[in-house]
Structure formats: structure tokens, C-alpha cells
Protein backbone atom coordinates (compact mmCIF):
# COMPACT_ATOMS: atom_id res chain seq x y z
CA MET A 1 -30.38 -30.61 15.88
CA ASP A 2 -28.39 -29.06 18.90
CA ILE A 3 -24.85 -30.24 19.62
CA ASP A 4 -24.02 -30.39 23.47
CA LEU A 5 -20.26 -30.23 23.58
CA LYS A 6 -20.13 -30.48 27.34
CA LEU A 7 -22.35 -33.68 27.40
CA PHE A 8 -20.24 -35.22 24.71
CA PHE A 9 -17.06 -34.38 26.55
CA LYS A 10 -18.37 -36.03 29.68
CA ILE A 11 -19.10 -39.24 27.74
CA TYR A 12 -15.82 -39.05 26.10
CA PHE A 13 -13.93 -38.39 29.21
CA SER A 14 -15.68 -41.22 31.13
CA ILE A 15 -14.92 -43.80 28.35
CA THR A 16 -11.25 -42.70 28.20
CA LEU A 17 -10.79 -42.77 31.94
CA LEU A 18 -12.35 -46.25 32.20
CA PHE A 19 -9.91 -47.43 29.37
CA VAL A 20 -6.90 -46.07 31.25
CA LEU A 21 -7.90 -47.59 34.46
CA LEU A 22 -8.34 -50.98 32.86
CA ASN A 23 -4.95 -50.80 31.26
CA ILE A 24 -3.06 -48.77 33.88
CA LYS A 25 -0.51 -51.53 34.63
CA PHE A 26 0.37 -51.62 30.80
CA PHE A 27 0.79 -47.90 30.62
CA TYR A 28 2.81 -47.83 33.87
CA ASP A 29 5.28 -50.54 32.61
CA ARG A 30 5.82 -48.90 29.27
CA ILE A 31 6.60 -45.61 30.68
CA LYS A 32 8.71 -47.01 33.42
CA LYS A 33 10.85 -49.28 31.13
CA ASN A 34 11.17 -47.66 27.85
CA ASP A 35 9.41 -44.38 26.95
CA PHE A 36 9.93 -42.13 30.09
CA ILE A 37 12.47 -39.80 28.28
CA LYS A 38 10.46 -39.60 25.26
CA PHE A 39 7.36 -38.86 27.30
CA VAL A 40 8.92 -35.99 29.04
CA PHE A 41 10.27 -34.72 25.75
CA PHE A 42 6.80 -35.06 24.21
CA PHE A 43 5.25 -33.06 27.11
CA LEU A 44 8.02 -30.33 26.81
CA VAL A 45 7.53 -29.96 23.11
CA ILE A 46 3.66 -29.52 23.41
CA LEU A 47 3.98 -27.32 26.35
CA SER A 48 6.36 -25.07 24.44
CA ILE A 49 4.03 -24.52 21.48
CA PHE A 50 1.07 -24.14 23.78
CA ILE A 51 2.89 -21.19 25.55
CA PHE A 52 3.71 -19.75 22.11
CA ILE A 53 0.27 -19.74 20.89
CA ALA A 54 -0.95 -18.27 24.21
CA GLN A 55 1.51 -15.41 23.69
CA ASN A 56 0.61 -14.92 20.07
CA LEU A 57 -3.28 -14.76 19.89
CA LYS A 58 -3.76 -13.30 16.56
CA LEU A 59 -6.14 -15.16 14.08
CA GLU A 60 -4.99 -15.11 10.52
CA TRP A 61 -7.14 -14.35 7.58
CA ASP A 62 -8.82 -17.81 7.14
CA GLY A 63 -8.90 -18.22 10.78
CA HIS A 64 -11.87 -15.91 10.94
CA VAL A 65 -13.63 -18.07 8.58
CA TRP A 66 -13.08 -21.34 10.64
CA ILE A 67 -13.77 -19.54 13.93
CA SER A 68 -17.24 -18.58 12.70
CA LYS A 69 -18.16 -22.28 12.26
CA ALA A 70 -16.70 -23.04 15.60
CA ILE A 71 -18.79 -20.39 17.29
CA ILE A 72 -21.90 -22.27 16.12
CA PHE A 73 -20.83 -25.43 17.75
CA LEU A 74 -19.78 -23.60 20.75
CA ASN A 75 -23.17 -22.07 21.35
CA ASN A 76 -24.94 -25.37 20.65
CA GLU A 77 -26.76 -23.88 17.73
CA GLN A 78 -28.53 -25.79 14.89
CA ILE A 79 -25.92 -27.44 12.61
CA THR A 80 -27.86 -26.05 9.58
CA ASN A 81 -26.54 -22.71 10.67
CA LEU A 82 -23.28 -23.58 9.13
CA ASN A 83 -24.90 -22.42 5.74
CA ASN A 84 -24.93 -18.86 7.28
CA THR A 85 -21.18 -18.69 7.44
CA LEU A 86 -18.69 -17.38 4.93
CA HIS A 87 -17.58 -20.25 2.78
CA ALA A 88 -20.41 -22.49 3.93
CA ASP A 89 -18.94 -25.27 1.63
CA TYR A 90 -15.85 -25.59 3.78
CA PRO A 91 -15.97 -28.76 5.94
CA HIS A 92 -16.44 -28.41 9.60
CA LEU A 93 -14.67 -31.13 11.56
CA GLY A 94 -11.85 -28.87 12.46
CA SER A 95 -13.93 -26.14 13.79
CA TYR A 96 -15.96 -28.61 15.72
CA LEU A 97 -12.75 -29.82 17.32
CA TRP A 98 -11.78 -26.21 18.04
CA ALA A 99 -15.21 -25.56 19.72
CA PHE A 100 -15.08 -29.00 21.57
CA PHE A 101 -11.82 -28.25 23.45
CA TRP A 102 -12.53 -24.42 23.67
CA SER A 103 -15.90 -25.25 25.57
CA ASN A 104 -14.48 -27.90 27.78
CA SER A 105 -11.34 -26.08 28.83
CA LEU A 106 -11.45 -24.95 32.44
CA LEU A 107 -11.09 -21.32 31.42
CA GLU A 108 -12.89 -21.55 28.29
CA PHE A 109 -10.35 -19.48 26.39
CA GLU A 110 -10.60 -19.54 22.62
CA TYR A 111 -7.10 -20.64 22.09
CA PHE A 112 -7.42 -23.69 24.20
CA GLY A 113 -9.45 -25.18 21.29
CA ARG A 114 -6.42 -24.69 19.02
CA PHE A 115 -4.25 -26.64 21.38
CA PHE A 116 -5.59 -29.84 20.00
CA PHE A 117 -4.06 -28.90 16.57
CA VAL A 118 -0.75 -28.72 18.28
CA TYR A 119 -1.31 -31.91 20.17
CA LEU A 120 -2.17 -33.85 16.93
CA TYR A 121 0.94 -32.21 15.06
CA VAL A 122 3.37 -33.46 17.88
CA LEU A 123 1.72 -36.77 18.34
CA SER A 124 1.84 -37.43 14.58
CA THR A 125 5.60 -36.57 14.64
CA PHE A 126 6.30 -38.92 17.39
CA LEU A 127 4.23 -41.75 15.96
CA ILE A 128 6.03 -41.57 12.40
CA PHE A 129 9.70 -41.44 14.08
CA LYS A 130 8.78 -44.84 15.83
CA LEU A 131 9.44 -46.26 12.45
CA LEU A 132 13.06 -45.22 12.58
CA ASN A 133 15.61 -48.17 13.00
CA VAL A 134 17.59 -46.34 15.54
CA ASN A 135 17.97 -47.80 19.12
CA ASN A 136 19.53 -44.65 20.68
CA ASP A 137 16.60 -42.56 22.21
CA PHE A 138 18.64 -39.31 22.12
CA ILE A 139 19.34 -39.75 18.37
CA LYS A 140 15.54 -40.05 17.77
CA ILE A 141 14.77 -37.03 20.09
CA PHE A 142 17.27 -35.07 18.04
CA LEU A 143 15.69 -36.01 14.78
CA ILE A 144 12.10 -35.30 16.10
CA LEU A 145 13.17 -31.88 17.18
CA PHE A 146 14.90 -31.27 13.85
CA PHE A 147 11.79 -32.09 12.10
CA ILE A 148 9.56 -29.86 14.18
CA LEU A 149 12.04 -27.02 13.68
CA LEU A 150 11.65 -27.73 9.81
CA THR A 151 7.88 -27.93 9.84
CA PHE A 152 6.76 -25.48 12.55
CA GLU A 153 4.81 -22.73 10.75
CA PRO A 154 3.39 -20.33 13.43
CA TYR A 155 1.29 -18.59 10.85
CA TYR A 156 -0.76 -21.94 10.23
CA PHE A 157 -1.59 -21.97 14.03
CA GLY A 158 -3.59 -18.79 13.68
CA GLY A 159 -6.75 -20.53 12.93
CA TYR A 160 -5.94 -22.43 9.76
CA GLN A 161 -6.71 -26.05 9.18
CA GLU A 162 -3.44 -27.03 7.40
CA TYR A 163 -1.82 -28.80 10.48
CA LEU A 164 -4.93 -30.98 10.71
CA ILE A 165 -4.46 -32.47 7.27
CA PHE A 166 -0.65 -32.33 7.56
CA SER A 167 -0.78 -34.45 10.86
CA SER A 168 -3.67 -36.87 9.74
CA LEU A 169 -1.70 -37.68 6.49
CA ILE A 170 1.48 -38.37 8.42
CA ILE A 171 -0.31 -40.82 10.66
CA ALA A 172 -1.92 -42.44 7.65
CA SER A 173 1.53 -42.79 5.99
CA ARG A 174 2.81 -44.56 9.04
CA TYR A 175 0.34 -47.37 8.73
CA ILE A 176 0.65 -47.57 5.11
CA TYR A 177 4.36 -47.92 5.47
CA ILE A 178 3.95 -50.67 8.07
CA TYR A 179 1.75 -52.54 5.65
CA ASN A 180 3.91 -52.23 2.61
CA LEU A 181 7.13 -52.81 4.49
CA ASN A 182 6.33 -56.19 5.87
CA GLY A 183 4.63 -57.33 2.68
CA SER A 184 1.60 -57.92 4.87
CA LYS A 185 -1.82 -59.12 3.76
CA ASN A 186 -3.45 -57.71 6.90
CA ILE A 187 -6.53 -55.86 5.50
CA LYS A 188 -7.08 -54.25 8.88
CA LEU A 189 -4.05 -52.05 8.40
CA ILE A 190 -5.36 -50.86 4.98
CA PHE A 191 -8.81 -50.27 6.36
CA LEU A 192 -7.31 -48.26 9.20
CA ALA A 193 -5.31 -46.15 6.77
CA LEU A 194 -8.31 -45.56 4.58
CA LEU A 195 -10.38 -44.25 7.56
CA ILE A 196 -7.58 -41.90 8.58
CA LEU A 197 -7.16 -40.56 5.06
CA TYR A 198 -10.95 -40.23 4.94
CA ILE A 199 -10.96 -37.82 8.09
CA SER A 200 -9.10 -35.30 5.96
CA CYS A 201 -12.10 -34.86 3.77
CA TRP A 202 -13.85 -33.38 6.86
CA PHE A 203 -11.04 -30.86 7.49
CA LYS A 204 -10.85 -29.14 4.03
CA ASN A 205 -12.31 -29.65 0.55
CA GLU A 206 -8.98 -30.74 -0.97
CA GLY A 207 -8.97 -33.55 1.57
CA LYS A 208 -11.30 -35.39 -0.84
CA ILE A 209 -8.63 -35.14 -3.45
CA TYR A 210 -5.89 -36.51 -1.22
CA PHE A 211 -8.27 -39.21 -0.05
CA VAL A 212 -8.98 -40.28 -3.62
CA ILE A 213 -5.38 -40.15 -4.69
CA PHE A 214 -3.68 -41.73 -1.85
CA SER A 215 -6.46 -44.33 -1.16
CA GLY A 216 -6.74 -45.43 -4.83
CA ALA A 217 -2.85 -45.77 -5.17
CA LEU A 218 -2.97 -47.93 -1.93
CA ILE A 219 -5.55 -50.16 -3.33
CA TYR A 220 -3.50 -50.61 -6.51
CA PHE A 221 -0.26 -51.44 -4.68
CA ALA A 222 -1.75 -53.43 -1.98
CA ASN A 223 -0.71 -57.06 -1.83
CA ILE A 224 -4.39 -58.37 -1.87
CA ASN A 225 -6.68 -60.17 -4.21
CA HIS A 226 -8.86 -58.39 -6.83
CA TYR A 227 -12.10 -59.22 -4.88
CA LYS A 228 -10.84 -57.23 -1.87
CA LYS A 229 -9.56 -54.43 -4.07
CA ILE A 230 -13.01 -54.07 -5.47
CA LEU A 231 -14.65 -53.98 -2.01
CA LEU A 232 -12.22 -51.31 -0.85
CA THR A 233 -12.83 -49.36 -3.93
CA LEU A 234 -16.56 -49.49 -3.20
CA LEU A 235 -15.84 -48.43 0.44
CA ILE A 236 -14.09 -45.34 -0.88
CA ILE A 237 -17.00 -44.43 -3.13
CA SER A 238 -19.47 -45.16 -0.34
CA LEU A 239 -17.58 -42.87 2.17
CA LEU A 240 -17.55 -40.05 -0.25
CA LEU A 241 -21.16 -40.41 -0.96
CA ILE A 242 -22.00 -40.49 2.83
CA GLN A 243 -20.14 -37.14 3.25
CA TYR A 244 -22.12 -35.72 0.19
CA PHE A 245 -25.50 -36.88 1.76
CA LEU A 246 -24.61 -35.74 5.25
CA GLN A 247 -23.88 -32.20 3.90
CA LYS A 248 -26.80 -32.13 1.76
CA TYR A 249 -29.50 -33.55 4.07
CA LEU A 250 -28.14 -33.02 7.69
CA ILE A 251 -26.51 -29.65 7.09
CA SER A 252 -28.85 -28.82 4.10
CA PHE A 253 -25.84 -27.37 2.19
CA SER A 254 -26.52 -26.87 -1.44
CA GLY A 255 -23.14 -25.29 -2.70
CA SER A 256 -21.98 -24.73 -6.28
CA SER A 257 -20.73 -27.44 -8.36
CA ASP A 258 -17.21 -28.03 -9.74
CA VAL A 259 -18.46 -27.42 -13.16
CA ASP A 260 -16.90 -23.98 -13.47
CA TYR A 261 -13.45 -25.33 -12.74
CA ILE A 262 -13.95 -27.99 -15.41
CA MET A 263 -15.09 -25.37 -17.94
CA ASN A 264 -12.24 -23.00 -17.15
CA PHE A 265 -9.82 -25.66 -17.50
CA LEU A 266 -11.12 -26.70 -20.79
CA GLN A 267 -11.02 -23.11 -22.03
CA ASN A 268 -7.20 -23.23 -21.69
CA PHE A 269 -6.94 -25.51 -24.77
CA LYS A 270 -8.48 -22.79 -26.89
CA ASP A 271 -5.53 -20.53 -26.23
CA ILE A 272 -2.25 -22.38 -26.37
CA ASN A 273 -0.40 -19.21 -25.11
CA LEU A 274 -2.66 -18.95 -22.11
CA LEU A 275 -2.14 -22.72 -21.48
CA PHE A 276 1.55 -22.49 -21.39
CA THR A 277 1.63 -19.07 -19.48
CA LYS A 278 -0.64 -20.66 -16.69
CA LEU A 279 1.47 -23.77 -16.69
CA PHE A 280 4.77 -21.74 -16.37
CA LYS A 281 3.28 -19.64 -13.54
CA ILE A 282 2.22 -22.84 -11.58
CA LEU A 283 5.57 -24.54 -11.91
CA LEU A 284 7.43 -21.43 -11.00
CA ASN A 285 5.33 -20.94 -7.94
CA MET A 286 5.76 -24.45 -6.85
CA ILE A 287 9.71 -24.19 -7.01
CA ILE A 288 9.47 -21.16 -4.84
CA VAL A 289 7.25 -23.05 -2.35
CA PHE A 290 9.65 -26.11 -2.51
CA MET A 291 12.45 -23.73 -1.69
CA LYS A 292 10.48 -21.96 1.15
CA HIS A 293 9.78 -25.16 3.02
CA PRO A 294 13.05 -27.13 3.85
CA LEU A 295 11.10 -30.41 4.25
CA TRP A 296 10.35 -30.30 0.53
CA ILE A 297 14.09 -29.90 -0.22
CA MET A 298 14.81 -33.02 1.99
CA ILE A 299 12.09 -34.93 0.23
CA PHE A 300 13.62 -34.42 -3.14
CA LEU A 301 17.12 -35.04 -1.80
CA ALA A 302 15.92 -38.40 -0.59
CA ILE A 303 14.37 -39.18 -3.83
CA PHE A 304 17.61 -38.41 -5.56
CA ALA A 305 19.43 -40.59 -3.02
CA GLN A 306 16.90 -43.42 -3.71
CA ILE A 307 17.48 -43.37 -7.38
CA PHE A 308 21.18 -42.84 -7.69
CA PHE A 309 22.55 -44.42 -4.53
CA VAL A 310 20.20 -47.00 -3.16
CA LYS A 311 19.23 -47.92 -6.74
CA LYS A 312 16.49 -50.10 -5.44
CA ILE A 313 12.79 -48.89 -5.44
CA ASN A 314 10.50 -51.23 -3.60
CA GLN A 315 6.89 -51.30 -3.56
CA ASN A 316 6.80 -48.88 -0.58
CA VAL A 317 8.79 -46.30 -2.15
CA LYS A 318 6.86 -46.73 -5.45
CA TYR A 319 3.59 -46.07 -3.71
CA PHE A 320 4.86 -42.88 -2.25
CA LEU A 321 6.48 -41.74 -5.36
CA THR A 322 3.31 -42.39 -7.27
CA CYS A 323 1.21 -40.50 -4.80
CA LEU A 324 3.77 -37.48 -5.01
CA PHE A 325 3.50 -37.51 -8.78
CA LEU A 326 -0.26 -37.69 -8.92
CA ASN A 327 -0.66 -35.06 -6.25
CA LEU A 328 1.36 -32.59 -8.09
CA ILE A 329 -0.40 -33.43 -11.51
CA VAL A 330 -3.76 -32.80 -9.87
CA ILE A 331 -2.74 -29.69 -8.05
CA THR A 332 -1.50 -28.34 -11.52
CA GLY A 333 -4.79 -29.39 -13.15
CA ILE A 334 -6.84 -27.60 -10.57
CA TYR A 335 -4.95 -24.31 -10.73
CA MET A 336 -5.11 -24.39 -14.46
CA GLY A 337 -9.00 -24.23 -13.92
CA MET A 338 -8.86 -21.12 -11.98
CA LYS A 339 -9.22 -17.60 -13.44
CA ASP A 340 -7.39 -15.21 -11.21
CA ILE A 341 -4.46 -17.56 -11.22
CA ASP A 342 -1.78 -14.94 -9.96
CA PHE A 343 -3.59 -14.00 -6.75
CA ILE A 344 -4.72 -17.56 -6.04
CA LEU A 345 -1.19 -18.88 -6.53
CA ARG A 346 0.09 -16.34 -4.27
CA VAL A 347 -2.22 -16.86 -1.30
CA THR A 348 -2.95 -20.50 -1.54
CA LEU A 349 -0.39 -22.66 -3.16
CA ASP A 350 2.02 -22.32 -0.10
CA ARG A 351 -0.50 -23.90 2.18
CA VAL A 352 -1.69 -26.49 -0.34
CA LEU A 353 1.73 -28.09 -0.86
CA PHE A 354 2.66 -27.64 2.87
CA GLN A 355 -0.20 -29.69 4.12
CA THR A 356 0.74 -32.79 2.07
CA SER A 357 4.51 -32.64 2.62
CA GLY A 358 4.30 -34.75 5.81
CA PHE A 359 2.92 -37.52 3.80
CA TYR A 360 6.19 -38.03 2.01
CA LEU A 361 8.44 -38.01 5.19
CA ILE A 362 8.45 -41.66 4.77
CA LEU A 363 10.81 -41.30 1.66
CA ILE A 364 13.32 -39.53 4.08
CA LEU A 365 13.02 -42.25 6.82
CA SER A 366 13.28 -44.98 4.18
CA ILE A 367 16.82 -43.67 3.27
CA ILE A 368 17.93 -43.32 7.02
CA ASN A 369 16.68 -46.95 7.62
CA PHE A 370 18.49 -48.23 4.61
CA LYS A 371 21.82 -46.76 5.73
CA MET A 372 21.25 -48.17 9.30
CA ILE A 373 20.66 -51.57 8.08
CA ASN A 374 23.69 -51.60 5.80
CA GLN A 375 25.92 -50.43 8.63
CA LYS A 376 24.86 -53.32 10.91
């Protein structure tokens, strides 16, 4: 099965151009009346990060893993050749996007493929801040810039996939917030959020964990009847099965199972000292990571303000707090099932916690919106 990136790009570009031409009056009116300043700012932010990447072309450690997959797509090779790469079990959508924009750039420079990661990151930031109840565009621009300064990690743009999950989770949280905020019964919003969460499964393996946790909690808190909840649960299971069978029969991947992790986790209970030692190391490293990333500090400050000052936890906040609790519990459990825990914690926990932090930005925006509403 050959994958012709240039042919796919021509089809995609033609459809996009047709859509723009059919809606040109709408886009013109929107930019002319409301969003011109934000559009210029959006362009400048993306351009600034683009230039930064072009001046810092180094691929970091995992970047060499992901680019090996991207080269397969770039050369239109058989998709089964993914099995010949290091860490063949890693999902490949991020590498496909890398190759897609690399191949279809005018100069066909490698880093042009990574520009999409920047675009998605900035786009997700602008989308989430549209939820802010602030009429002054300059205040919104300031807050967006502040958020980007807090979350911009040059290291992760060196070929890592963290920003793809980070950004997709931000976009998913936006639609989840819209759904819960209005007490809506619009099943389309839930369906859209589930599909966006599902995309993260194809970026990294841990995306499946986020998909199950965040989607399961969403169905539990959703204001819909039990019949629809059952159907959505079946949808989640079906999507996971689709990924499994596509990897098994399309890519012919036959990787190792997760049995080893489970067995290692159960071994902890035979040695109580080992159990508490691992738990202490995990919690200590989590605290260090939280202090390293300012966004996490702001998230916990927002939770503190929600509990002690707002003193009202609505369904929306309950959902995100539940996701945060489950997320940290599952991460702890996974690391408990690893053997060389000191090394693994040192090289991976930072990225694992970073990529989900954007999902909880909603908790900060909720506090800001609450304050703005009370001031009116």
C-alpha cells in the first residue's frame, strides 16, 4: 500500500479552496468586523515560532524515532515498513503529518513538516481563549501571549509529539466546556469531543489512556439518557478496536502486550517497602514537574480558589477535577509497574504531565469568567 502524499495534498487543497471560495463573504465580514487584530496577532505568533524552529534545527532524542516513521511516508513506502522502525509500536499519525507538510512544502525542508505542530498549538490556544468572558481584545491578546510564554517548550518542538496531544486535548476541552456550561443535550458536541480525544490515540500510546479516562468521565457527567450513554460507550470501545485491527492487519504490527506492566505492578504488593519507595519517588518527581511547569502551578491555584473562594463546584468543574484525579492515579499506577523507575521518571514524567496540562486550562478560565460575571 503506497501513500502518495502529493496526490492527497492536491485533493485536500482543492476541497479547501472550494470551501473558502463558497464562503468568502463570510470570512471577509468576520475579519473585517471583529477579528482583524486577532488575526494579525495569530499570524505574528505563528511566524515568530516558525522562525525560531528554522534557527534551531536540532532534533532531540525521540525526534529521531518519529522522523524514521515520517521518512517512510515521505518516500511513499509500504505502510508495513513501519514495523522496521525503532519502537514500531508507537502510533504514526504525528509522523504522517510531519511527512505530509514536509513533502508538500515548496522547498521540501524537513522542518516545514514540524510547522504544523506549531500551527495546531497556537490555533488551540486561540480557540480555548474564545471562551473567556472578556470583551476587550487587547486583554485577550495579553492573556493568550502570557499562556504561550508559560507553555512554550522549545525542546518539545525538536521532533517530539507532546504538542500534538497537548493541543488536541485543549481543543477537546473547549467543546466539552461548551457542552457542560450550557447544560446542553446536544449529542453532536459530545460526539465531536470524543472524536478529537480519539485522535490522541494515534499520536502516542498514552493517548489511549487519555481517551478512555476523559471520554468515560464525559459520558458519566453528560446530561443525556442511559440509552445514549450506552451507545457512546460502545462507540469508545469500537474506536479502540478499530485502531487495534488497523495496526494488526493493515500495518501487520504484532507488538508486545501490556502483561509485563501488570505483572510488575502486582509484584509491588509482595514487598511493601518497595511499594512505598516507588510511590514516594513518583510523588516526589510529580511535585518537581509541577514546579517546573508554571501552568500546573496556576491550575492548582485555580482549584484552591474554586474550593475556598468560589465555593461552588458545578458539573463542568467536577468533570475536569475528576479527570485530573483519574489521570494522576493512572499515571502513578503505570509507573508503579515499571522496573527501572528512577531512569524512566527522569526522562519521561516531565513530558507525560506536560501533554495533559492544557486540558485543565479550563479550570483557570472558569475562575476568570466567574470573577468577570460577578463584576458586572
